[in-house]
Amino acid sequence: MEKLIKRGAEAEIYLSNYMGREVVIKRRIKKAYRIKEIDEELRSQRTKKEALLMVEARKAGVAVPIIYDVDLKKMEITMQYVKGNRIKDCLDSMNESVQKELCKKIGESIAFLHENGIIHGDITTSNLILANERIYFIDFGLGEKSNDIEKKGVDMHLLMEALKAAHSKEQFFEWVCKGYKKHADWKEVIKKIKEIEKRGRYMVRE
């Protein structure tokens, strides 16, 4: 029996069972405004791409849910249900030394993704789950393969903005950046983040 636990713009997330395991099913929903054949092709491509990105992320050493099944007819991915806490819900209540270590680990994981040409596309603390002392990255629905410094900078900038908006300490992103220094191109990416920030400020003034 399936239980709807989240409904997004592109997909619905269900809690279910698969071969005796508690799982999450991510099902891409139909878009009535698109031509049927185009809609099916888009949803199929995006489902396949997301599953492949998750497999590559695991190979890169980043914790992601285990994929049990991909059904391109139903446009769904059946994956491990990671029992833990969203970083968004627990980060602020931790003591500072734990916060610092956690942020550094987040930065290291993003470095491993970027080092392997994986752009997550939506790195927020809602898409990071702390379970068994590991940080799991979920929802690669907006992700892609790229080694472009601009895209890596946008990935990191999004997390910076998410931390500012949802959390209490300004140092969180600084600590993330310390972990991110494991990426060979970290200096170029940090420089790009600053460029993106300036662009944003300029656009707001205009």
N, C-alpha and C. Protein backbone atom coordinates (compact mmCIF):
# COMPACT_ATOMS: atom_id res chain seq x y z
N MET A 1 0.84 -1.20 0.00
CA MET A 1 0.00 0.00 0.00
C MET A 1 0.87 1.26 0.00
N GLU A 2 0.53 2.19 -0.86
CA GLU A 2 1.31 3.42 -0.98
C GLU A 2 0.70 4.55 -0.15
N LYS A 3 1.59 5.37 0.41
CA LYS A 3 1.15 6.54 1.17
C LYS A 3 1.87 7.77 0.62
N LEU A 4 1.10 8.73 0.13
CA LEU A 4 1.68 9.97 -0.40
C LEU A 4 2.29 10.77 0.74
N ILE A 5 3.60 11.10 0.62
CA ILE A 5 4.25 11.88 1.67
C ILE A 5 4.71 13.26 1.20
N LYS A 6 4.76 13.43 -0.14
CA LYS A 6 5.16 14.75 -0.65
C LYS A 6 4.68 14.89 -2.09
N ARG A 7 4.16 16.07 -2.40
CA ARG A 7 3.76 16.36 -3.77
C ARG A 7 4.50 17.60 -4.23
N GLY A 8 5.32 17.46 -5.27
CA GLY A 8 6.05 18.59 -5.82
C GLY A 8 5.51 18.98 -7.18
N ALA A 9 6.17 19.91 -7.83
CA ALA A 9 5.73 20.40 -9.14
C ALA A 9 5.91 19.34 -10.22
N GLU A 10 6.96 18.52 -10.07
CA GLU A 10 7.29 17.54 -11.11
C GLU A 10 6.97 16.10 -10.71
N ALA A 11 6.93 15.84 -9.41
CA ALA A 11 6.80 14.44 -8.98
C ALA A 11 6.06 14.32 -7.65
N GLU A 12 5.56 13.11 -7.42
CA GLU A 12 4.95 12.75 -6.14
C GLU A 12 5.81 11.69 -5.48
N ILE A 13 5.93 11.78 -4.16
CA ILE A 13 6.76 10.85 -3.40
C ILE A 13 5.85 10.00 -2.52
N TYR A 14 6.00 8.69 -2.63
CA TYR A 14 5.18 7.76 -1.87
C TYR A 14 6.04 6.89 -0.97
N LEU A 15 5.52 6.56 0.18
CA LEU A 15 6.11 5.55 1.06
C LEU A 15 5.42 4.24 0.73
N SER A 16 6.21 3.17 0.51
CA SER A 16 5.63 1.90 0.11
C SER A 16 6.52 0.74 0.55
N ASN A 17 6.20 -0.46 0.08
CA ASN A 17 7.01 -1.65 0.35
C ASN A 17 7.41 -2.30 -0.95
N TYR A 18 8.63 -2.82 -0.98
CA TYR A 18 9.15 -3.47 -2.19
C TYR A 18 9.99 -4.67 -1.75
N MET A 19 9.51 -5.86 -2.07
CA MET A 19 10.22 -7.09 -1.71
C MET A 19 10.60 -7.13 -0.22
N GLY A 20 9.61 -6.73 0.60
CA GLY A 20 9.82 -6.79 2.05
C GLY A 20 10.55 -5.61 2.65
N ARG A 21 10.93 -4.65 1.80
CA ARG A 21 11.64 -3.46 2.30
C ARG A 21 10.71 -2.24 2.28
N GLU A 22 10.94 -1.36 3.24
CA GLU A 22 10.26 -0.07 3.23
C GLU A 22 10.99 0.82 2.23
N VAL A 23 10.25 1.36 1.28
CA VAL A 23 10.89 2.13 0.21
C VAL A 23 10.16 3.45 -0.04
N VAL A 24 10.85 4.29 -0.82
CA VAL A 24 10.24 5.52 -1.34
C VAL A 24 10.09 5.35 -2.84
N ILE A 25 8.94 5.72 -3.36
CA ILE A 25 8.72 5.71 -4.81
C ILE A 25 8.57 7.15 -5.27
N LYS A 26 9.42 7.55 -6.20
CA LYS A 26 9.30 8.89 -6.80
C LYS A 26 8.67 8.72 -8.17
N ARG A 27 7.49 9.30 -8.34
CA ARG A 27 6.73 9.13 -9.59
C ARG A 27 6.52 10.48 -10.25
N ARG A 28 7.03 10.60 -11.47
CA ARG A 28 6.85 11.86 -12.21
C ARG A 28 5.42 11.95 -12.74
N ILE A 29 4.80 13.10 -12.50
CA ILE A 29 3.38 13.24 -12.82
C ILE A 29 3.16 13.82 -14.22
N LYS A 30 2.04 13.46 -14.82
CA LYS A 30 1.68 13.93 -16.15
C LYS A 30 1.44 15.43 -16.12
N LYS A 31 1.78 16.08 -17.23
CA LYS A 31 1.50 17.51 -17.39
C LYS A 31 0.49 17.67 -18.52
N ALA A 32 -0.72 18.03 -18.17
CA ALA A 32 -1.81 18.11 -19.14
C ALA A 32 -1.57 19.16 -20.23
N TYR A 33 -0.75 20.19 -19.91
CA TYR A 33 -0.54 21.26 -20.88
C TYR A 33 0.45 20.86 -21.98
N ARG A 34 1.15 19.70 -21.78
CA ARG A 34 2.09 19.24 -22.80
C ARG A 34 1.44 18.21 -23.72
N ILE A 35 1.88 18.17 -24.97
CA ILE A 35 1.43 17.12 -25.89
C ILE A 35 1.82 15.78 -25.29
N LYS A 36 0.91 14.82 -25.32
CA LYS A 36 1.07 13.54 -24.63
C LYS A 36 2.42 12.86 -24.92
N GLU A 37 2.77 12.77 -26.20
CA GLU A 37 4.02 12.08 -26.58
C GLU A 37 5.25 12.82 -26.06
N ILE A 38 5.20 14.15 -26.12
CA ILE A 38 6.32 14.96 -25.62
C ILE A 38 6.43 14.83 -24.10
N ASP A 39 5.28 14.85 -23.43
CA ASP A 39 5.24 14.72 -21.98
C ASP A 39 5.85 13.39 -21.54
N GLU A 40 5.46 12.31 -22.22
CA GLU A 40 5.96 10.98 -21.87
C GLU A 40 7.47 10.88 -22.10
N GLU A 41 7.93 11.45 -23.22
CA GLU A 41 9.36 11.41 -23.53
C GLU A 41 10.17 12.20 -22.50
N LEU A 42 9.67 13.39 -22.14
CA LEU A 42 10.37 14.22 -21.15
C LEU A 42 10.45 13.53 -19.79
N ARG A 43 9.31 12.99 -19.35
CA ARG A 43 9.28 12.34 -18.04
C ARG A 43 10.16 11.10 -18.02
N SER A 44 10.17 10.38 -19.12
CA SER A 44 11.01 9.18 -19.22
C SER A 44 12.49 9.55 -19.16
N GLN A 45 12.87 10.56 -19.94
CA GLN A 45 14.28 11.02 -19.96
C GLN A 45 14.74 11.50 -18.59
N ARG A 46 13.87 12.28 -17.93
CA ARG A 46 14.24 12.85 -16.63
C ARG A 46 14.32 11.78 -15.54
N THR A 47 13.45 10.78 -15.63
CA THR A 47 13.49 9.68 -14.67
C THR A 47 14.79 8.90 -14.84
N LYS A 48 15.12 8.60 -16.08
CA LYS A 48 16.35 7.85 -16.38
C LYS A 48 17.58 8.64 -15.96
N LYS A 49 17.59 9.94 -16.28
CA LYS A 49 18.75 10.78 -15.95
C LYS A 49 18.95 10.87 -14.44
N GLU A 50 17.86 11.03 -13.70
CA GLU A 50 17.98 11.13 -12.25
C GLU A 50 18.55 9.85 -11.65
N ALA A 51 18.06 8.71 -12.13
CA ALA A 51 18.56 7.43 -11.62
C ALA A 51 20.05 7.26 -11.93
N LEU A 52 20.46 7.63 -13.13
CA LEU A 52 21.88 7.51 -13.51
C LEU A 52 22.76 8.44 -12.67
N LEU A 53 22.28 9.65 -12.41
CA LEU A 53 23.04 10.58 -11.58
C LEU A 53 23.23 10.03 -10.17
N MET A 54 22.19 9.41 -9.62
CA MET A 54 22.28 8.83 -8.28
C MET A 54 23.29 7.69 -8.24
N VAL A 55 23.29 6.87 -9.28
CA VAL A 55 24.25 5.76 -9.36
C VAL A 55 25.67 6.32 -9.43
N GLU A 56 25.86 7.36 -10.24
CA GLU A 56 27.20 7.96 -10.37
C GLU A 56 27.63 8.64 -9.08
N ALA A 57 26.68 9.27 -8.39
CA ALA A 57 27.01 9.91 -7.12
C ALA A 57 27.49 8.88 -6.11
N ARG A 58 26.83 7.73 -6.07
CA ARG A 58 27.26 6.65 -5.16
C ARG A 58 28.68 6.20 -5.50
N LYS A 59 28.95 6.05 -6.79
CA LYS A 59 30.30 5.65 -7.23
C LYS A 59 31.34 6.68 -6.83
N ALA A 60 30.92 7.95 -6.77
CA ALA A 60 31.83 9.05 -6.41
C ALA A 60 32.07 9.12 -4.90
N GLY A 61 31.38 8.26 -4.14
CA GLY A 61 31.58 8.23 -2.69
C GLY A 61 30.61 9.07 -1.90
N VAL A 62 29.52 9.49 -2.55
CA VAL A 62 28.50 10.31 -1.87
C VAL A 62 27.33 9.41 -1.48
N ALA A 63 26.84 9.58 -0.26
CA ALA A 63 25.72 8.77 0.22
C ALA A 63 24.43 9.22 -0.46
N VAL A 64 23.78 8.28 -1.13
CA VAL A 64 22.47 8.51 -1.74
C VAL A 64 21.63 7.26 -1.48
N PRO A 65 20.30 7.37 -1.54
CA PRO A 65 19.47 6.17 -1.36
C PRO A 65 19.79 5.10 -2.41
N ILE A 66 19.77 3.85 -2.02
CA ILE A 66 19.98 2.74 -2.95
C ILE A 66 18.77 2.64 -3.88
N ILE A 67 19.02 2.51 -5.18
CA ILE A 67 17.92 2.34 -6.14
C ILE A 67 17.63 0.85 -6.30
N TYR A 68 16.35 0.49 -6.12
CA TYR A 68 15.94 -0.90 -6.27
C TYR A 68 15.31 -1.17 -7.64
N ASP A 69 14.66 -0.16 -8.21
CA ASP A 69 13.98 -0.39 -9.48
C ASP A 69 13.73 0.94 -10.19
N VAL A 70 13.82 0.92 -11.51
CA VAL A 70 13.47 2.08 -12.34
C VAL A 70 12.47 1.60 -13.38
N ASP A 71 11.29 2.20 -13.39
CA ASP A 71 10.23 1.81 -14.32
C ASP A 71 9.92 3.00 -15.22
N LEU A 72 10.38 2.93 -16.48
CA LEU A 72 10.21 4.06 -17.39
C LEU A 72 8.81 4.12 -17.99
N LYS A 73 8.01 3.09 -17.79
CA LYS A 73 6.61 3.14 -18.23
C LYS A 73 5.77 3.89 -17.20
N LYS A 74 6.04 3.59 -15.93
CA LYS A 74 5.32 4.29 -14.86
C LYS A 74 6.00 5.60 -14.47
N MET A 75 7.17 5.85 -15.06
CA MET A 75 7.96 7.06 -14.77
C MET A 75 8.31 7.14 -13.29
N GLU A 76 8.81 6.05 -12.73
CA GLU A 76 9.08 6.05 -11.30
C GLU A 76 10.39 5.38 -10.94
N ILE A 77 10.95 5.84 -9.83
CA ILE A 77 12.16 5.27 -9.25
C ILE A 77 11.79 4.74 -7.87
N THR A 78 12.08 3.47 -7.64
CA THR A 78 11.86 2.88 -6.31
C THR A 78 13.22 2.83 -5.62
N MET A 79 13.30 3.44 -4.46
CA MET A 79 14.59 3.56 -3.77
C MET A 79 14.47 3.35 -2.27
N GLN A 80 15.62 3.20 -1.66
CA GLN A 80 15.72 3.03 -0.20
C GLN A 80 15.04 4.18 0.53
N TYR A 81 14.30 3.84 1.57
CA TYR A 81 13.75 4.85 2.46
C TYR A 81 14.79 5.13 3.54
N VAL A 82 15.41 6.28 3.48
CA VAL A 82 16.46 6.65 4.44
C VAL A 82 15.79 7.24 5.68
N LYS A 83 15.89 6.51 6.78
CA LYS A 83 15.29 6.97 8.04
C LYS A 83 16.28 7.86 8.76
N GLY A 84 15.98 9.12 8.81
CA GLY A 84 16.87 10.07 9.46
C GLY A 84 16.19 11.41 9.59
N ASN A 85 16.97 12.44 9.84
CA ASN A 85 16.45 13.80 9.98
C ASN A 85 16.97 14.68 8.85
N ARG A 86 16.07 15.51 8.32
CA ARG A 86 16.53 16.50 7.36
C ARG A 86 17.50 17.44 8.07
N ILE A 87 18.58 17.79 7.39
CA ILE A 87 19.53 18.75 7.96
C ILE A 87 18.81 20.05 8.33
N LYS A 88 17.82 20.41 7.53
CA LYS A 88 17.05 21.63 7.80
C LYS A 88 16.44 21.61 9.20
N ASP A 89 16.03 20.42 9.65
CA ASP A 89 15.31 20.31 10.92
C ASP A 89 16.21 20.13 12.14
N CYS A 90 17.48 19.77 11.92
CA CYS A 90 18.32 19.46 13.09
C CYS A 90 19.58 20.31 13.22
N LEU A 91 19.98 21.00 12.17
CA LEU A 91 21.27 21.72 12.19
C LEU A 91 21.34 22.77 13.29
N ASP A 92 20.31 23.58 13.43
CA ASP A 92 20.35 24.70 14.38
C ASP A 92 20.41 24.25 15.84
N SER A 93 19.91 23.06 16.12
CA SER A 93 19.84 22.60 17.51
C SER A 93 21.12 21.90 17.97
N MET A 94 22.08 21.71 17.08
CA MET A 94 23.33 21.02 17.43
C MET A 94 24.30 21.99 18.08
N ASN A 95 25.28 21.42 18.81
CA ASN A 95 26.31 22.31 19.36
C ASN A 95 27.27 22.69 18.24
N GLU A 96 28.02 23.75 18.47
CA GLU A 96 28.79 24.36 17.39
C GLU A 96 29.83 23.42 16.77
N SER A 97 30.50 22.63 17.58
CA SER A 97 31.53 21.74 17.04
C SER A 97 30.92 20.69 16.10
N VAL A 98 29.72 20.22 16.43
CA VAL A 98 29.02 19.24 15.58
C VAL A 98 28.54 19.93 14.30
N GLN A 99 28.04 21.15 14.44
CA GLN A 99 27.60 21.92 13.27
C GLN A 99 28.76 22.11 12.29
N LYS A 100 29.90 22.48 12.83
CA LYS A 100 31.08 22.73 11.99
C LYS A 100 31.49 21.47 11.23
N GLU A 101 31.53 20.34 11.93
CA GLU A 101 31.93 19.08 11.32
C GLU A 101 30.92 18.65 10.25
N LEU A 102 29.65 18.85 10.54
CA LEU A 102 28.59 18.48 9.60
C LEU A 102 28.68 19.32 8.33
N CYS A 103 28.87 20.62 8.50
CA CYS A 103 28.98 21.51 7.34
C CYS A 103 30.19 21.15 6.48
N LYS A 104 31.31 20.82 7.13
CA LYS A 104 32.50 20.40 6.38
C LYS A 104 32.23 19.12 5.59
N LYS A 105 31.50 18.20 6.20
CA LYS A 105 31.15 16.94 5.49
C LYS A 105 30.26 17.21 4.29
N ILE A 106 29.34 18.16 4.44
CA ILE A 106 28.48 18.54 3.31
C ILE A 106 29.36 19.08 2.17
N GLY A 107 30.29 19.95 2.53
CA GLY A 107 31.21 20.52 1.53
C GLY A 107 32.04 19.45 0.84
N GLU A 108 32.52 18.48 1.61
CA GLU A 108 33.31 17.38 1.04
C GLU A 108 32.49 16.58 0.04
N SER A 109 31.24 16.29 0.41
CA SER A 109 30.38 15.51 -0.48
C SER A 109 30.10 16.26 -1.78
N ILE A 110 29.86 17.56 -1.67
CA ILE A 110 29.63 18.36 -2.89
C ILE A 110 30.90 18.36 -3.75
N ALA A 111 32.06 18.42 -3.09
CA ALA A 111 33.33 18.36 -3.82
C ALA A 111 33.45 17.05 -4.60
N PHE A 112 33.05 15.95 -3.99
CA PHE A 112 33.11 14.65 -4.67
C PHE A 112 32.16 14.62 -5.87
N LEU A 113 30.97 15.22 -5.70
CA LEU A 113 30.03 15.31 -6.82
C LEU A 113 30.64 16.11 -7.97
N HIS A 114 31.10 17.30 -7.65
CA HIS A 114 31.63 18.20 -8.67
C HIS A 114 32.90 17.66 -9.31
N GLU A 115 33.72 17.00 -8.53
CA GLU A 115 34.95 16.40 -9.06
C GLU A 115 34.63 15.36 -10.13
N ASN A 116 33.45 14.77 -10.00
CA ASN A 116 33.02 13.74 -10.96
C ASN A 116 32.01 14.26 -11.96
N GLY A 117 31.94 15.58 -12.08
CA GLY A 117 31.09 16.19 -13.09
C GLY A 117 29.60 16.05 -12.85
N ILE A 118 29.21 15.97 -11.56
CA ILE A 118 27.79 15.84 -11.21
C ILE A 118 27.29 17.13 -10.58
N ILE A 119 26.31 17.74 -11.20
CA ILE A 119 25.66 18.94 -10.66
C ILE A 119 24.34 18.49 -10.04
N HIS A 120 24.15 18.78 -8.76
CA HIS A 120 22.92 18.33 -8.10
C HIS A 120 21.71 19.14 -8.55
N GLY A 121 21.86 20.45 -8.61
CA GLY A 121 20.80 21.31 -9.12
C GLY A 121 19.84 21.86 -8.09
N ASP A 122 19.84 21.28 -6.89
CA ASP A 122 18.90 21.76 -5.86
C ASP A 122 19.44 21.43 -4.46
N ILE A 123 20.67 21.87 -4.18
CA ILE A 123 21.27 21.57 -2.88
C ILE A 123 20.72 22.54 -1.84
N THR A 124 19.77 22.05 -1.05
CA THR A 124 19.27 22.80 0.10
C THR A 124 19.32 21.85 1.29
N THR A 125 19.15 22.38 2.48
CA THR A 125 19.20 21.51 3.66
C THR A 125 17.95 20.64 3.77
N SER A 126 16.94 20.90 2.93
CA SER A 126 15.77 20.02 2.86
C SER A 126 16.08 18.75 2.06
N ASN A 127 17.09 18.83 1.21
CA ASN A 127 17.47 17.69 0.37
C ASN A 127 18.70 16.96 0.90
N LEU A 128 19.01 17.19 2.17
CA LEU A 128 20.12 16.49 2.84
C LEU A 128 19.55 15.81 4.08
N ILE A 129 19.81 14.52 4.22
CA ILE A 129 19.29 13.76 5.35
C ILE A 129 20.44 13.18 6.16
N LEU A 130 20.39 13.39 7.46
CA LEU A 130 21.40 12.83 8.36
C LEU A 130 20.88 11.51 8.91
N ALA A 131 21.57 10.43 8.59
CA ALA A 131 21.16 9.10 9.06
C ALA A 131 22.40 8.25 9.29
N ASN A 132 22.48 7.63 10.46
CA ASN A 132 23.62 6.77 10.80
C ASN A 132 24.97 7.47 10.59
N GLU A 133 25.00 8.76 10.99
CA GLU A 133 26.20 9.60 10.91
C GLU A 133 26.67 9.85 9.48
N ARG A 134 25.79 9.62 8.52
CA ARG A 134 26.12 9.91 7.12
C ARG A 134 25.13 10.96 6.59
N ILE A 135 25.59 11.75 5.63
CA ILE A 135 24.74 12.76 5.02
C ILE A 135 24.30 12.25 3.64
N TYR A 136 23.01 11.99 3.52
CA TYR A 136 22.45 11.49 2.27
C TYR A 136 21.92 12.64 1.42
N PHE A 137 22.29 12.63 0.15
CA PHE A 137 21.79 13.61 -0.81
C PHE A 137 20.59 12.99 -1.53
N ILE A 138 19.48 13.72 -1.53
CA ILE A 138 18.28 13.23 -2.22
C ILE A 138 17.83 14.24 -3.26
N ASP A 139 16.90 13.82 -4.12
CA ASP A 139 16.26 14.65 -5.14
C ASP A 139 17.26 15.24 -6.14
N PHE A 140 17.69 14.38 -7.07
CA PHE A 140 18.57 14.80 -8.15
C PHE A 140 17.77 15.18 -9.40
N GLY A 141 16.49 15.50 -9.20
CA GLY A 141 15.59 15.76 -10.33
C GLY A 141 15.99 16.92 -11.21
N LEU A 142 16.73 17.89 -10.67
CA LEU A 142 17.19 19.04 -11.46
C LEU A 142 18.67 18.92 -11.82
N GLY A 143 19.23 17.74 -11.55
CA GLY A 143 20.67 17.54 -11.76
C GLY A 143 21.06 17.30 -13.20
N GLU A 144 22.36 17.34 -13.43
CA GLU A 144 22.90 17.08 -14.77
C GLU A 144 24.39 16.75 -14.67
N LYS A 145 24.93 16.28 -15.79
CA LYS A 145 26.36 16.04 -15.88
C LYS A 145 27.02 17.26 -16.51
N SER A 146 27.98 17.82 -15.82
CA SER A 146 28.69 18.99 -16.35
C SER A 146 29.95 19.26 -15.52
N ASN A 147 30.98 19.75 -16.20
CA ASN A 147 32.18 20.20 -15.50
C ASN A 147 32.32 21.72 -15.57
N ASP A 148 31.25 22.37 -15.96
CA ASP A 148 31.25 23.83 -16.11
C ASP A 148 31.37 24.52 -14.74
N ILE A 149 32.34 25.40 -14.61
CA ILE A 149 32.56 26.11 -13.34
C ILE A 149 31.36 26.96 -12.96
N GLU A 150 30.71 27.55 -13.94
CA GLU A 150 29.51 28.35 -13.68
C GLU A 150 28.43 27.51 -13.00
N LYS A 151 28.20 26.31 -13.50
CA LYS A 151 27.16 25.45 -12.94
C LYS A 151 27.53 24.97 -11.54
N LYS A 152 28.80 24.72 -11.33
CA LYS A 152 29.25 24.35 -9.98
C LYS A 152 29.06 25.53 -9.02
N GLY A 153 29.35 26.72 -9.52
CA GLY A 153 29.16 27.93 -8.71
C GLY A 153 27.69 28.15 -8.36
N VAL A 154 26.81 27.92 -9.32
CA VAL A 154 25.36 28.06 -9.08
C VAL A 154 24.90 27.04 -8.05
N ASP A 155 25.40 25.81 -8.16
CA ASP A 155 25.08 24.75 -7.20
C ASP A 155 25.42 25.18 -5.77
N MET A 156 26.63 25.71 -5.61
CA MET A 156 27.09 26.14 -4.29
C MET A 156 26.37 27.40 -3.82
N HIS A 157 26.11 28.31 -4.76
CA HIS A 157 25.43 29.56 -4.41
C HIS A 157 24.02 29.28 -3.90
N LEU A 158 23.37 28.30 -4.50
CA LEU A 158 22.02 27.93 -4.05
C LEU A 158 22.05 27.46 -2.60
N LEU A 159 23.05 26.64 -2.26
CA LEU A 159 23.18 26.18 -0.87
C LEU A 159 23.46 27.35 0.07
N MET A 160 24.31 28.26 -0.36
CA MET A 160 24.62 29.44 0.45
C MET A 160 23.34 30.23 0.77
N GLU A 161 22.52 30.45 -0.25
CA GLU A 161 21.27 31.18 -0.06
C GLU A 161 20.30 30.41 0.83
N ALA A 162 20.26 29.08 0.67
CA ALA A 162 19.38 28.25 1.49
C ALA A 162 19.79 28.30 2.96
N LEU A 163 21.10 28.28 3.21
CA LEU A 163 21.61 28.36 4.59
C LEU A 163 21.27 29.71 5.22
N LYS A 164 21.43 30.77 4.43
CA LYS A 164 21.10 32.11 4.94
C LYS A 164 19.62 32.23 5.27
N ALA A 165 18.78 31.66 4.43
CA ALA A 165 17.34 31.81 4.57
C ALA A 165 16.76 30.97 5.71
N ALA A 166 17.33 29.79 5.93
CA ALA A 166 16.68 28.84 6.85
C ALA A 166 17.43 28.61 8.16
N HIS A 167 18.64 29.15 8.28
CA HIS A 167 19.44 28.79 9.45
C HIS A 167 20.05 30.00 10.15
N SER A 168 20.55 29.74 11.36
CA SER A 168 20.86 30.83 12.29
C SER A 168 22.26 31.43 12.16
N LYS A 169 23.23 30.64 11.71
CA LYS A 169 24.61 31.14 11.76
C LYS A 169 25.17 31.48 10.39
N GLU A 170 25.85 32.60 10.33
CA GLU A 170 26.48 33.02 9.08
C GLU A 170 27.67 32.13 8.73
N GLN A 171 28.26 31.50 9.74
CA GLN A 171 29.48 30.70 9.49
C GLN A 171 29.20 29.38 8.78
N PHE A 172 27.95 28.97 8.71
CA PHE A 172 27.65 27.65 8.14
C PHE A 172 28.26 27.47 6.75
N PHE A 173 28.06 28.46 5.88
CA PHE A 173 28.58 28.31 4.52
C PHE A 173 30.10 28.36 4.48
N GLU A 174 30.70 29.15 5.36
CA GLU A 174 32.17 29.18 5.45
C GLU A 174 32.70 27.79 5.77
N TRP A 175 32.02 27.10 6.70
CA TRP A 175 32.45 25.75 7.08
C TRP A 175 32.23 24.77 5.94
N VAL A 176 31.14 24.94 5.18
CA VAL A 176 30.91 24.11 4.00
C VAL A 176 32.08 24.27 3.02
N CYS A 177 32.50 25.52 2.82
CA CYS A 177 33.59 25.81 1.87
C CYS A 177 34.91 25.17 2.30
N LYS A 178 35.13 25.04 3.60
CA LYS A 178 36.35 24.38 4.08
C LYS A 178 36.38 22.92 3.61
N GLY A 179 35.23 22.26 3.70
CA GLY A 179 35.15 20.88 3.22
C GLY A 179 35.24 20.81 1.70
N TYR A 180 34.71 21.82 1.04
CA TYR A 180 34.68 21.83 -0.43
C TYR A 180 36.08 21.95 -1.04
N LYS A 181 37.05 22.34 -0.22
CA LYS A 181 38.42 22.50 -0.73
C LYS A 181 39.04 21.18 -1.19
N LYS A 182 38.33 20.08 -0.99
CA LYS A 182 38.80 18.80 -1.53
C LYS A 182 38.65 18.75 -3.06
N HIS A 183 37.86 19.68 -3.60
CA HIS A 183 37.68 19.74 -5.06
C HIS A 183 38.85 20.50 -5.67
N ALA A 184 39.43 19.93 -6.70
CA ALA A 184 40.62 20.53 -7.33
C ALA A 184 40.37 21.95 -7.82
N ASP A 185 39.14 22.23 -8.27
CA ASP A 185 38.81 23.55 -8.82
C ASP A 185 38.16 24.47 -7.80
N TRP A 186 38.36 24.21 -6.51
CA TRP A 186 37.61 24.96 -5.49
C TRP A 186 37.83 26.47 -5.57
N LYS A 187 39.05 26.91 -5.89
CA LYS A 187 39.31 28.36 -5.94
C LYS A 187 38.48 29.03 -7.04
N GLU A 188 38.41 28.37 -8.21
CA GLU A 188 37.63 28.92 -9.32
C GLU A 188 36.14 28.95 -8.99
N VAL A 189 35.67 27.91 -8.29
CA VAL A 189 34.25 27.83 -7.95
C VAL A 189 33.89 28.91 -6.92
N ILE A 190 34.74 29.09 -5.91
CA ILE A 190 34.49 30.13 -4.89
C ILE A 190 34.48 31.51 -5.54
N LYS A 191 35.38 31.71 -6.47
CA LYS A 191 35.42 32.98 -7.21
C LYS A 191 34.12 33.18 -7.99
N LYS A 192 33.63 32.10 -8.57
CA LYS A 192 32.39 32.17 -9.36
C LYS A 192 31.19 32.49 -8.45
N ILE A 193 31.18 31.93 -7.25
CA ILE A 193 30.09 32.22 -6.30
C ILE A 193 30.04 33.72 -6.03
N LYS A 194 31.20 34.34 -5.83
CA LYS A 194 31.25 35.77 -5.56
C LYS A 194 30.75 36.58 -6.75
N GLU A 195 31.07 36.10 -7.96
CA GLU A 195 30.57 36.77 -9.18
C GLU A 195 29.04 36.69 -9.24
N ILE A 196 28.50 35.52 -8.93
CA ILE A 196 27.05 35.32 -8.96
C ILE A 196 26.37 36.22 -7.93
N GLU A 197 27.01 36.35 -6.76
CA GLU A 197 26.47 37.23 -5.71
C GLU A 197 26.39 38.67 -6.21
N LYS A 198 27.45 39.14 -6.86
CA LYS A 198 27.48 40.52 -7.37
C LYS A 198 26.41 40.73 -8.42
N ARG A 199 26.23 39.74 -9.28
CA ARG A 199 25.19 39.83 -10.31
C ARG A 199 23.82 40.00 -9.66
N GLY A 200 23.58 39.22 -8.61
CA GLY A 200 22.31 39.28 -7.90
C GLY A 200 22.05 40.63 -7.28
N ARG A 201 23.09 41.20 -6.65
CA ARG A 201 22.95 42.52 -6.03
C ARG A 201 22.68 43.59 -7.08
N TYR A 202 23.37 43.45 -8.24
CA TYR A 202 23.20 44.42 -9.31
C TYR A 202 21.76 44.37 -9.83
N MET A 203 21.24 43.14 -10.02
CA MET A 203 19.88 42.97 -10.55
C MET A 203 18.83 43.53 -9.57
N VAL A 204 19.08 43.35 -8.27
CA VAL A 204 18.15 43.88 -7.27
C VAL A 204 18.11 45.41 -7.32
N ARG A 205 19.28 46.03 -7.46
CA ARG A 205 19.33 47.50 -7.53
C ARG A 205 18.61 48.03 -8.76
N GLU A 206 18.77 47.29 -9.87
CA GLU A 206 18.14 47.72 -11.11
C GLU A 206 16.63 47.63 -11.02
